[in-house]
C-alpha atoms as a PDB file:
ATOM      1  CA  UNK A   1     -45.067 -90.745  -5.288  1.00  0.00           C
ATOM      2  CA  UNK A   2     -44.085 -91.206  -8.939  1.00  0.00           C
ATOM      3  CA  UNK A   3     -42.312 -88.621 -11.131  1.00  0.00           C
ATOM      4  CA  UNK A   4     -41.421 -88.419 -14.837  1.00  0.00           C
ATOM      5  CA  UNK A   5     -38.532 -86.221 -15.882  1.00  0.00           C
ATOM      6  CA  UNK A   6     -37.486 -84.273 -19.039  1.00  0.00           C
ATOM      7  CA  UNK A   7     -34.502 -85.860 -20.893  1.00  0.00           C
ATOM      8  CA  UNK A   8     -32.510 -82.747 -20.659  1.00  0.00           C
ATOM      9  CA  UNK A   9     -33.150 -81.731 -17.010  1.00  0.00           C
ATOM     10  CA  UNK A  10     -33.817 -83.674 -13.770  1.00  0.00           C
ATOM     11  CA  UNK A  11     -36.912 -81.587 -13.054  1.00  0.00           C
ATOM     12  CA  UNK A  12     -39.987 -83.779 -13.122  1.00  0.00           C
ATOM     13  CA  UNK A  13     -42.546 -82.657 -15.767  1.00  0.00           C
ATOM     14  CA  UNK A  14     -45.347 -84.669 -14.025  1.00  0.00           C
ATOM     15  CA  UNK A  15     -45.813 -85.432 -10.305  1.00  0.00           C
ATOM     16  CA  UNK A  16     -48.083 -88.200  -8.973  1.00  0.00           C
ATOM     17  CA  UNK A  17     -49.492 -88.643  -5.491  1.00  0.00           C
ATOM     18  CA  UNK A  18     -51.798 -91.310  -4.349  1.00  0.00           C
ATOM     19  CA  UNK A  19     -53.920 -90.999  -1.150  1.00  0.00           C
ATOM     20  CA  UNK A  20     -57.108 -92.378   0.150  1.00  0.00           C
ATOM     21  CA  UNK A  21     -58.128 -93.763  -3.310  1.00  0.00           C
ATOM     22  CA  UNK A  22     -57.348 -90.559  -5.198  1.00  0.00           C
ATOM     23  CA  UNK A  23     -54.456 -90.287  -7.630  1.00  0.00           C
ATOM     24  CA  UNK A  24     -53.348 -86.659  -8.249  1.00  0.00           C
ATOM     25  CA  UNK A  25     -51.291 -85.947 -11.352  1.00  0.00           C
ATOM     26  CA  UNK A  26     -49.743 -82.494 -11.310  1.00  0.00           C
ATOM     27  CA  UNK A  27     -48.343 -80.871 -14.482  1.00  0.00           C
ATOM     28  CA  UNK A  28     -45.012 -79.512 -13.570  1.00  0.00           C
ATOM     29  CA  UNK A  29     -43.634 -77.302 -16.287  1.00  0.00           C
ATOM     30  CA  UNK A  30     -44.467 -73.903 -14.641  1.00  0.00           C
ATOM     31  CA  UNK A  31     -41.795 -72.041 -16.567  1.00  0.00           C
ATOM     32  CA  UNK A  32     -43.513 -73.124 -19.814  1.00  0.00           C
ATOM     33  CA  UNK A  33     -47.065 -72.662 -18.426  1.00  0.00           C
ATOM     34  CA  UNK A  34     -47.449 -76.418 -18.335  1.00  0.00           C
ATOM     35  CA  UNK A  35     -47.466 -76.726 -22.075  1.00  0.00           C
ATOM     36  CA  UNK A  36     -47.928 -80.262 -23.274  1.00  0.00           C
ATOM     37  CA  UNK A  37     -44.457 -81.165 -24.563  1.00  0.00           C
ATOM     38  CA  UNK A  38     -44.070 -84.688 -26.102  1.00  0.00           C
ATOM     39  CA  UNK A  39     -42.375 -85.798 -22.862  1.00  0.00           C
ATOM     40  CA  UNK A  40     -45.328 -84.546 -20.740  1.00  0.00           C
ATOM     41  CA  UNK A  41     -47.832 -86.288 -23.029  1.00  0.00           C
ATOM     42  CA  UNK A  42     -45.799 -89.481 -22.823  1.00  0.00           C
ATOM     43  CA  UNK A  43     -45.683 -89.175 -19.024  1.00  0.00           C
ATOM     44  CA  UNK A  44     -49.438 -88.556 -18.774  1.00  0.00           C
ATOM     45  CA  UNK A  45     -50.144 -91.576 -20.928  1.00  0.00           C
ATOM     46  CA  UNK A  46     -47.912 -93.844 -18.967  1.00  0.00           C
ATOM     47  CA  UNK A  47     -49.411 -92.796 -15.528  1.00  0.00           C
ATOM     48  CA  UNK A  48     -52.999 -93.107 -16.964  1.00  0.00           C
ATOM     49  CA  UNK A  49     -52.313 -96.610 -18.239  1.00  0.00           C
ATOM     50  CA  UNK A  50     -50.973 -97.554 -14.877  1.00  0.00           C
ATOM     51  CA  UNK A  51     -53.894 -95.949 -12.971  1.00  0.00           C
ATOM     52  CA  UNK A  52     -56.425 -97.747 -15.214  1.00  0.00           C
ATOM     53  CA  UNK A  53     -55.103-101.106 -13.890  1.00  0.00           C
ATOM     54  CA  UNK A  54     -55.212-100.090 -10.176  1.00  0.00           C
ATOM     55  CA  UNK A  55     -58.573-100.995  -8.643  1.00  0.00           C
ATOM     56  CA  UNK A  56     -57.610 -99.336  -5.287  1.00  0.00           C
ATOM     57  CA  UNK A  57     -57.804 -95.919  -6.965  1.00  0.00           C
ATOM     58  CA  UNK A  58     -61.308 -94.402  -7.271  1.00  0.00           C
ATOM     59  CA  UNK A  59     -60.726 -90.918  -8.678  1.00  0.00           C
ATOM     60  CA  UNK A  60     -58.043 -89.035 -10.641  1.00  0.00           C
ATOM     61  CA  UNK A  61     -57.240 -85.357 -10.233  1.00  0.00           C
ATOM     62  CA  UNK A  62     -55.267 -83.407 -12.815  1.00  0.00           C
ATOM     63  CA  UNK A  63     -53.747 -80.282 -11.336  1.00  0.00           C
ATOM     64  CA  UNK A  64     -50.954 -77.942 -12.165  1.00  0.00           C
ATOM     65  CA  UNK A  65     -48.144 -76.091 -10.532  1.00  0.00           C
ATOM     66  CA  UNK A  66     -47.410 -72.391 -11.250  1.00  0.00           C
ATOM     67  CA  UNK A  67     -49.542 -69.588 -12.668  1.00  0.00           C
ATOM     68  CA  UNK A  68     -51.266 -71.710 -15.474  1.00  0.00           C
ATOM     69  CA  UNK A  69     -53.094 -74.881 -15.700  1.00  0.00           C
ATOM     70  CA  UNK A  70     -51.939 -75.630 -19.238  1.00  0.00           C
ATOM     71  CA  UNK A  71     -51.130 -73.329 -22.191  1.00  0.00           C
ATOM     72  CA  UNK A  72     -51.751 -76.076 -24.863  1.00  0.00           C
ATOM     73  CA  UNK A  73     -49.106 -77.635 -27.025  1.00  0.00           C
ATOM     74  CA  UNK A  74     -45.517 -76.452 -26.788  1.00  0.00           C
ATOM     75  CA  UNK A  75     -45.336 -74.177 -29.859  1.00  0.00           C
ATOM     76  CA  UNK A  76     -41.559 -73.867 -29.905  1.00  0.00           C
ATOM     77  CA  UNK A  77     -41.311 -77.739 -29.923  1.00  0.00           C
ATOM     78  CA  UNK A  78     -43.874 -77.885 -32.735  1.00  0.00           C
ATOM     79  CA  UNK A  79     -42.106 -75.377 -34.820  1.00  0.00           C
ATOM     80  CA  UNK A  80     -38.776 -77.246 -34.562  1.00  0.00           C
ATOM     81  CA  UNK A  81     -39.987 -79.427 -37.425  1.00  0.00           C
ATOM     82  CA  UNK A  82     -41.888 -78.722 -40.677  1.00  0.00           C
ATOM     83  CA  UNK A  83     -42.514 -82.347 -41.230  1.00  0.00           C
ATOM     84  CA  UNK A  84     -46.197 -82.999 -41.400  1.00  0.00           C
ATOM     85  CA  UNK A  85     -45.713 -86.545 -40.229  1.00  0.00           C
ATOM     86  CA  UNK A  86     -44.084 -85.324 -37.070  1.00  0.00           C
ATOM     87  CA  UNK A  87     -47.099 -83.081 -36.366  1.00  0.00           C
ATOM     88  CA  UNK A  88     -49.562 -85.810 -37.205  1.00  0.00           C
ATOM     89  CA  UNK A  89     -47.810 -88.164 -34.609  1.00  0.00           C
ATOM     90  CA  UNK A  90     -47.927 -85.342 -32.007  1.00  0.00           C
ATOM     91  CA  UNK A  91     -51.657 -84.761 -32.446  1.00  0.00           C
ATOM     92  CA  UNK A  92     -52.304 -88.531 -32.514  1.00  0.00           C
ATOM     93  CA  UNK A  93     -50.337 -88.997 -29.273  1.00  0.00           C
ATOM     94  CA  UNK A  94     -52.385 -86.101 -27.646  1.00  0.00           C
ATOM     95  CA  UNK A  95     -55.561 -87.690 -29.010  1.00  0.00           C
ATOM     96  CA  UNK A  96     -54.605 -91.076 -27.437  1.00  0.00           C
ATOM     97  CA  UNK A  97     -53.906 -89.471 -24.098  1.00  0.00           C
ATOM     98  CA  UNK A  98     -57.285 -87.693 -24.178  1.00  0.00           C
ATOM     99  CA  UNK A  99     -59.093 -90.859 -25.065  1.00  0.00           C
ATOM    100  CA  UNK A 100     -57.350 -92.625 -22.190  1.00  0.00           C
ATOM    101  CA  UNK A 101     -58.905 -90.111 -19.827  1.00  0.00           C
ATOM    102  CA  UNK A 102     -62.286 -90.749 -21.461  1.00  0.00           C
ATOM    103  CA  UNK A 103     -61.896 -94.552 -21.186  1.00  0.00           C
ATOM    104  CA  UNK A 104     -60.348 -94.556 -17.711  1.00  0.00           C
ATOM    105  CA  UNK A 105     -62.554 -96.538 -15.258  1.00  0.00           C
ATOM    106  CA  UNK A 106     -62.054 -93.638 -12.750  1.00  0.00           C
ATOM    107  CA  UNK A 107     -63.640 -90.295 -12.957  1.00  0.00           C
ATOM    108  CA  UNK A 108     -61.168 -87.629 -13.746  1.00  0.00           C
ATOM    109  CA  UNK A 109     -61.374 -84.068 -12.184  1.00  0.00           C
ATOM    110  CA  UNK A 110     -59.526 -81.058 -13.673  1.00  0.00           C
ATOM    111  CA  UNK A 111     -58.314 -78.656 -11.013  1.00  0.00           C
ATOM    112  CA  UNK A 112     -58.017 -75.447 -12.988  1.00  0.00           C
ATOM    113  CA  UNK A 113     -55.802 -72.447 -11.938  1.00  0.00           C
ATOM    114  CA  UNK A 114     -54.703 -69.646 -14.119  1.00  0.00           C
ATOM    115  CA  UNK A 115     -55.123 -70.015 -17.884  1.00  0.00           C
ATOM    116  CA  UNK A 116     -56.128 -73.007 -19.733  1.00  0.00           C
ATOM    117  CA  UNK A 117     -55.714 -72.422 -23.524  1.00  0.00           C
ATOM    118  CA  UNK A 118     -55.893 -74.503 -26.808  1.00  0.00           C
ATOM    119  CA  UNK A 119     -55.078 -78.118 -25.843  1.00  0.00           C
ATOM    120  CA  UNK A 120     -55.162 -76.902 -22.160  1.00  0.00           C
ATOM    121  CA  UNK A 121     -58.768 -75.997 -22.526  1.00  0.00           C
ATOM    122  CA  UNK A 122     -59.261 -79.243 -24.377  1.00  0.00           C
ATOM    123  CA  UNK A 123     -57.881 -81.074 -21.333  1.00  0.00           C
ATOM    124  CA  UNK A 124     -60.413 -79.346 -19.059  1.00  0.00           C
ATOM    125  CA  UNK A 125     -63.316 -80.178 -21.486  1.00  0.00           C
ATOM    126  CA  UNK A 126     -62.114 -83.771 -21.823  1.00  0.00           C
ATOM    127  CA  UNK A 127     -62.088 -84.459 -18.054  1.00  0.00           C
ATOM    128  CA  UNK A 128     -65.320 -85.738 -16.438  1.00  0.00           C
ATOM    129  CA  UNK A 129     -65.559 -82.918 -13.972  1.00  0.00           C
ATOM    130  CA  UNK A 130     -63.753 -79.584 -13.424  1.00  0.00           C
ATOM    131  CA  UNK A 131     -63.281 -77.232 -10.425  1.00  0.00           C
ATOM    132  CA  UNK A 132     -61.823 -73.830 -11.351  1.00  0.00           C
ATOM    133  CA  UNK A 133     -60.336 -70.952  -9.368  1.00  0.00           C
ATOM    134  CA  UNK A 134     -62.253 -67.617  -9.686  1.00  0.00           C
ATOM    135  CA  UNK A 135     -59.342 -66.053 -11.512  1.00  0.00           C
ATOM    136  CA  UNK A 136     -58.989 -68.865 -14.082  1.00  0.00           C
ATOM    137  CA  UNK A 137     -59.584 -68.067 -17.727  1.00  0.00           C
ATOM    138  CA  UNK A 138     -60.109 -70.409 -20.553  1.00  0.00           C
ATOM    139  CA  UNK A 139     -59.752 -70.030 -24.417  1.00  0.00           C
ATOM    140  CA  UNK A 140     -59.196 -72.055 -27.570  1.00  0.00           C
ATOM    141  CA  UNK A 141     -56.752 -69.518 -28.913  1.00  0.00           C
ATOM    142  CA  UNK A 142     -55.066 -71.373 -31.853  1.00  0.00           C
ATOM    143  CA  UNK A 143     -56.992 -69.126 -34.371  1.00  0.00           C
ATOM    144  CA  UNK A 144     -54.923 -66.222 -33.128  1.00  0.00           C
ATOM    145  CA  UNK A 145     -51.747 -67.879 -34.599  1.00  0.00           C
ATOM    146  CA  UNK A 146     -53.496 -69.062 -37.722  1.00  0.00           C
ATOM    147  CA  UNK A 147     -54.306 -72.588 -36.388  1.00  0.00           C
ATOM    148  CA  UNK A 148     -57.961 -73.606 -35.923  1.00  0.00           C
ATOM    149  CA  UNK A 149     -58.190 -75.678 -32.710  1.00  0.00           C
ATOM    150  CA  UNK A 150     -59.666 -78.729 -34.440  1.00  0.00           C
ATOM    151  CA  UNK A 151     -58.732 -81.279 -31.753  1.00  0.00           C
ATOM    152  CA  UNK A 152     -59.866 -79.062 -28.864  1.00  0.00           C
ATOM    153  CA  UNK A 153     -63.054 -78.556 -30.743  1.00  0.00           C
ATOM    154  CA  UNK A 154     -63.926 -82.266 -30.189  1.00  0.00           C
ATOM    155  CA  UNK A 155     -64.610 -82.247 -26.477  1.00  0.00           C
ATOM    156  CA  UNK A 156     -65.548 -78.473 -26.576  1.00  0.00           C
ATOM    157  CA  UNK A 157     -68.462 -79.173 -28.952  1.00  0.00           C
ATOM    158  CA  UNK A 158     -69.550 -81.974 -26.611  1.00  0.00           C
ATOM    159  CA  UNK A 159     -69.667 -79.794 -23.573  1.00  0.00           C
ATOM    160  CA  UNK A 160     -71.029 -76.494 -24.817  1.00  0.00           C
ATOM    161  CA  UNK A 161     -73.876 -75.543 -27.156  1.00  0.00           C
ATOM    162  CA  UNK A 162     -72.663 -75.297 -30.800  1.00  0.00           C
ATOM    163  CA  UNK A 163     -72.872 -71.500 -31.063  1.00  0.00           C
ATOM    164  CA  UNK A 164     -70.920 -71.073 -27.782  1.00  0.00           C
ATOM    165  CA  UNK A 165     -68.225 -73.524 -28.973  1.00  0.00           C
ATOM    166  CA  UNK A 166     -67.926 -71.938 -32.376  1.00  0.00           C
ATOM    167  CA  UNK A 167     -67.597 -68.439 -30.924  1.00  0.00           C
ATOM    168  CA  UNK A 168     -64.678 -69.533 -28.682  1.00  0.00           C
ATOM    169  CA  UNK A 169     -63.060 -71.426 -31.574  1.00  0.00           C
ATOM    170  CA  UNK A 170     -63.471 -68.568 -34.139  1.00  0.00           C
ATOM    171  CA  UNK A 171     -62.505 -65.681 -31.945  1.00  0.00           C
ATOM    172  CA  UNK A 172     -59.856 -67.195 -29.587  1.00  0.00           C
ATOM    173  CA  UNK A 173     -61.382 -64.987 -26.853  1.00  0.00           C
ATOM    174  CA  UNK A 174     -60.934 -65.913 -23.137  1.00  0.00           C
ATOM    175  CA  UNK A 175     -63.887 -66.676 -21.011  1.00  0.00           C
ATOM    176  CA  UNK A 176     -63.881 -66.346 -17.262  1.00  0.00           C
ATOM    177  CA  UNK A 177     -64.303 -69.177 -14.880  1.00  0.00           C
ATOM    178  CA  UNK A 178     -67.736 -67.919 -14.117  1.00  0.00           C
ATOM    179  CA  UNK A 179     -68.687 -67.950 -17.759  1.00  0.00           C
ATOM    180  CA  UNK A 180     -67.203 -71.392 -18.166  1.00  0.00           C
ATOM    181  CA  UNK A 181     -69.358 -72.679 -15.307  1.00  0.00           C
ATOM    182  CA  UNK A 182     -72.529 -70.952 -16.868  1.00  0.00           C
ATOM    183  CA  UNK A 183     -71.844 -72.735 -20.189  1.00  0.00           C
ATOM    184  CA  UNK A 184     -71.219 -76.159 -18.639  1.00  0.00           C
ATOM    185  CA  UNK A 185     -67.459 -76.328 -19.097  1.00  0.00           C
ATOM    186  CA  UNK A 186     -66.596 -76.401 -15.363  1.00  0.00           C
ATOM    187  CA  UNK A 187     -68.686 -77.665 -12.375  1.00  0.00           C
ATOM    188  CA  UNK A 188     -67.430 -75.365  -9.581  1.00  0.00           C
ATOM    189  CA  UNK A 189     -65.780 -72.018  -9.250  1.00  0.00           C
ATOM    190  CA  UNK A 190     -63.994 -71.270  -5.981  1.00  0.00           C
ATOM    191  CA  UNK A 191     -61.585 -68.784  -4.464  1.00  0.00           C
ATOM    192  CA  UNK A 192     -57.971 -69.438  -5.633  1.00  0.00           C
ATOM    193  CA  UNK A 193     -56.896 -70.352  -2.108  1.00  0.00           C
ATOM    194  CA  UNK A 194     -59.629 -72.869  -1.883  1.00  0.00           C
ATOM    195  CA  UNK A 195     -58.934 -74.674  -5.180  1.00  0.00           C
ATOM    196  CA  UNK A 196     -56.965 -77.631  -3.802  1.00  0.00           C
ATOM    197  CA  UNK A 197     -59.351 -78.088  -0.885  1.00  0.00           C
ATOM    198  CA  UNK A 198     -62.481 -77.993  -3.001  1.00  0.00           C
ATOM    199  CA  UNK A 199     -61.014 -80.308  -5.620  1.00  0.00           C
ATOM    200  CA  UNK A 200     -59.928 -82.770  -3.053  1.00  0.00           C
ATOM    201  CA  UNK A 201     -63.360 -82.587  -1.204  1.00  0.00           C
ATOM    202  CA  UNK A 202     -65.099 -83.443  -4.475  1.00  0.00           C
ATOM    203  CA  UNK A 203     -62.690 -86.285  -5.144  1.00  0.00           C
ATOM    204  CA  UNK A 204     -63.119 -87.721  -1.617  1.00  0.00           C
ATOM    205  CA  UNK A 205     -66.831 -87.533  -1.938  1.00  0.00           C
ATOM    206  CA  UNK A 206     -66.796 -89.669  -5.137  1.00  0.00           C
ATOM    207  CA  UNK A 207     -64.023 -92.045  -3.760  1.00  0.00           C
ATOM    208  CA  UNK A 208     -66.314 -92.959  -0.865  1.00  0.00           C
ATOM    209  CA  UNK A 209     -68.875 -94.437  -3.320  1.00  0.00           C
ATOM    210  CA  UNK A 210     -68.765 -97.964  -4.654  1.00  0.00           C
ATOM    211  CA  UNK A 211     -65.877 -98.362  -7.052  1.00  0.00           C
ATOM    212  CA  UNK A 212     -67.898-100.951  -9.125  1.00  0.00           C
ATOM    213  CA  UNK A 213     -70.788 -98.629  -9.533  1.00  0.00           C
ATOM    214  CA  UNK A 214     -68.612 -95.654 -10.551  1.00  0.00           C
ATOM    215  CA  UNK A 215     -66.760 -97.771 -13.123  1.00  0.00           C
ATOM    216  CA  UNK A 216     -69.982 -99.093 -14.643  1.00  0.00           C
ATOM    217  CA  UNK A 217     -71.659 -95.694 -14.496  1.00  0.00           C
ATOM    218  CA  UNK A 218     -68.955 -93.775 -16.250  1.00  0.00           C
ATOM    219  CA  UNK A 219     -68.739 -96.230 -19.058  1.00  0.00           C
ATOM    220  CA  UNK A 220     -72.567 -96.390 -19.383  1.00  0.00           C
ATOM    221  CA  UNK A 221     -72.906 -92.542 -19.325  1.00  0.00           C
ATOM    222  CA  UNK A 222     -70.671 -91.948 -22.319  1.00  0.00           C
ATOM    223  CA  UNK A 223     -71.813 -94.960 -24.338  1.00  0.00           C
ATOM    224  CA  UNK A 224     -75.429 -94.021 -24.245  1.00  0.00           C
ATOM    225  CA  UNK A 225     -74.941 -90.409 -25.365  1.00  0.00           C
ATOM    226  CA  UNK A 226     -74.850 -90.989 -29.116  1.00  0.00           C
ATOM    227  CA  UNK A 227     -77.703 -93.618 -29.022  1.00  0.00           C
ATOM    228  CA  UNK A 228     -81.280 -92.852 -29.860  1.00  0.00           C
ATOM    229  CA  UNK A 229     -83.816 -92.688 -26.986  1.00  0.00           C
ATOM    230  CA  UNK A 230     -85.022 -96.331 -27.297  1.00  0.00           C
ATOM    231  CA  UNK A 231     -81.640 -97.801 -27.701  1.00  0.00           C
ATOM    232  CA  UNK A 232     -80.287 -95.674 -24.743  1.00  0.00           C
ATOM    233  CA  UNK A 233     -83.097 -96.875 -22.435  1.00  0.00           C
ATOM    234  CA  UNK A 234     -82.575-100.510 -23.453  1.00  0.00           C
ATOM    235  CA  UNK A 235     -78.864-100.292 -22.761  1.00  0.00           C
ATOM    236  CA  UNK A 236     -79.442 -98.388 -19.516  1.00  0.00           C
ATOM    237  CA  UNK A 237     -81.870-101.078 -18.394  1.00  0.00           C
ATOM    238  CA  UNK A 238     -79.342-103.795 -19.057  1.00  0.00           C
ATOM    239  CA  UNK A 239     -76.603-101.922 -17.185  1.00  0.00           C
ATOM    240  CA  UNK A 240     -78.937-101.236 -14.261  1.00  0.00           C
ATOM    241  CA  UNK A 241     -79.801-104.877 -13.946  1.00  0.00           C
ATOM    242  CA  UNK A 242     -76.108-105.824 -14.115  1.00  0.00           C
ATOM    243  CA  UNK A 243     -75.369-103.178 -11.421  1.00  0.00           C
ATOM    244  CA  UNK A 244     -78.196-104.494  -9.316  1.00  0.00           C
ATOM    245  CA  UNK A 245     -76.713-108.050  -9.453  1.00  0.00           C
ATOM    246  CA  UNK A 246     -73.452-106.929  -7.864  1.00  0.00           C
ATOM    247  CA  UNK A 247     -72.169-107.395  -4.356  1.00  0.00           C
ATOM    248  CA  UNK A 248     -71.889-103.609  -3.741  1.00  0.00           C
ATOM    249  CA  UNK A 249     -75.567-102.974  -4.741  1.00  0.00           C
ATOM    250  CA  UNK A 250     -76.837-105.700  -2.423  1.00  0.00           C
ATOM    251  CA  UNK A 251     -74.520-104.328   0.388  1.00  0.00           C
ATOM    252  CA  UNK A 252     -75.578-100.817  -0.274  1.00  0.00           C
ATOM    253  CA  UNK A 253     -79.339-101.534  -0.190  1.00  0.00           C
ATOM    254  CA  UNK A 254     -78.994-103.614   2.927  1.00  0.00           C
ATOM    255  CA  UNK A 255     -76.970-100.893   4.608  1.00  0.00           C
ATOM    256  CA  UNK A 256     -79.541 -98.295   3.771  1.00  0.00           C
ATOM    257  CA  UNK A 257     -82.417-100.581   5.147  1.00  0.00           C
ATOM    258  CA  UNK A 258     -80.340-101.264   8.301  1.00  0.00           C
ATOM    259  CA  UNK A 259     -79.308 -97.586   8.642  1.00  0.00           C
ATOM    260  CA  UNK A 260     -75.616 -98.242   8.633  1.00  0.00           C
ATOM    261  CA  UNK A 261     -72.615 -97.255   6.574  1.00  0.00           C
ATOM    262  CA  UNK A 262     -71.986 -99.719   3.690  1.00  0.00           C
ATOM    263  CA  UNK A 263     -68.795-101.701   3.387  1.00  0.00           C
ATOM    264  CA  UNK A 264     -67.994-101.817  -0.329  1.00  0.00           C
ATOM    265  CA  UNK A 265     -66.567-104.988  -1.960  1.00  0.00           C
ATOM    266  CA  UNK A 266     -66.224-103.316  -5.376  1.00  0.00           C
ATOM    267  CA  UNK A 267     -67.593-106.197  -7.318  1.00  0.00           C
END
């Protein structure tokens, strides 16, 4: 169990728990609706950097304590300065953290309770998978305070159809968990009391697979997306051959033929 704390209070802003190959990072600013303060961003970055180097971890879950998943950036903290350079540094820091999730060898699952707004919705969209409680609601609501959610627009426009993304960005309206599922922003919607169980079940299912194949597959999936069809197939073929030449693929195929459970070597 790791914890990162605010400088002005001993209360941890981020909790970490590792079990059975799954690292769970829990946002822990419930009184501030888990807004992404600079300290919370730094804490997330630090944990993600550490997890990236740990080959025993197969999956990462991002969850939250309290009534909200994440209300976006801490607006009071942002308004404490009118210095554009300060704001630029904040958004750059957030962007680096989001890219760290994207580049992480392990798949990342968002476990969404309550509201996820602005950069909180961005966090959901940026994760590889998402499970949401039925009463969860998502929005990119910066437009309501005169701030177009430009950085949340990046993963949002890569998850939704363009007109769906633009409607959310231009209106700031909430969508329900079911609507988010229908438009591809979340994978599963479950009863609130089942959120933890359903998220951990999905994480455990993935963690039981070959770590080598998961790492290779996540990288391949995102790298081929901007390619044209011919280049994508050429790249995918090279990655498939590389995967086939691994200990885990040989073990997995042998186990399938011999009708037994594979013993992954993760290389």
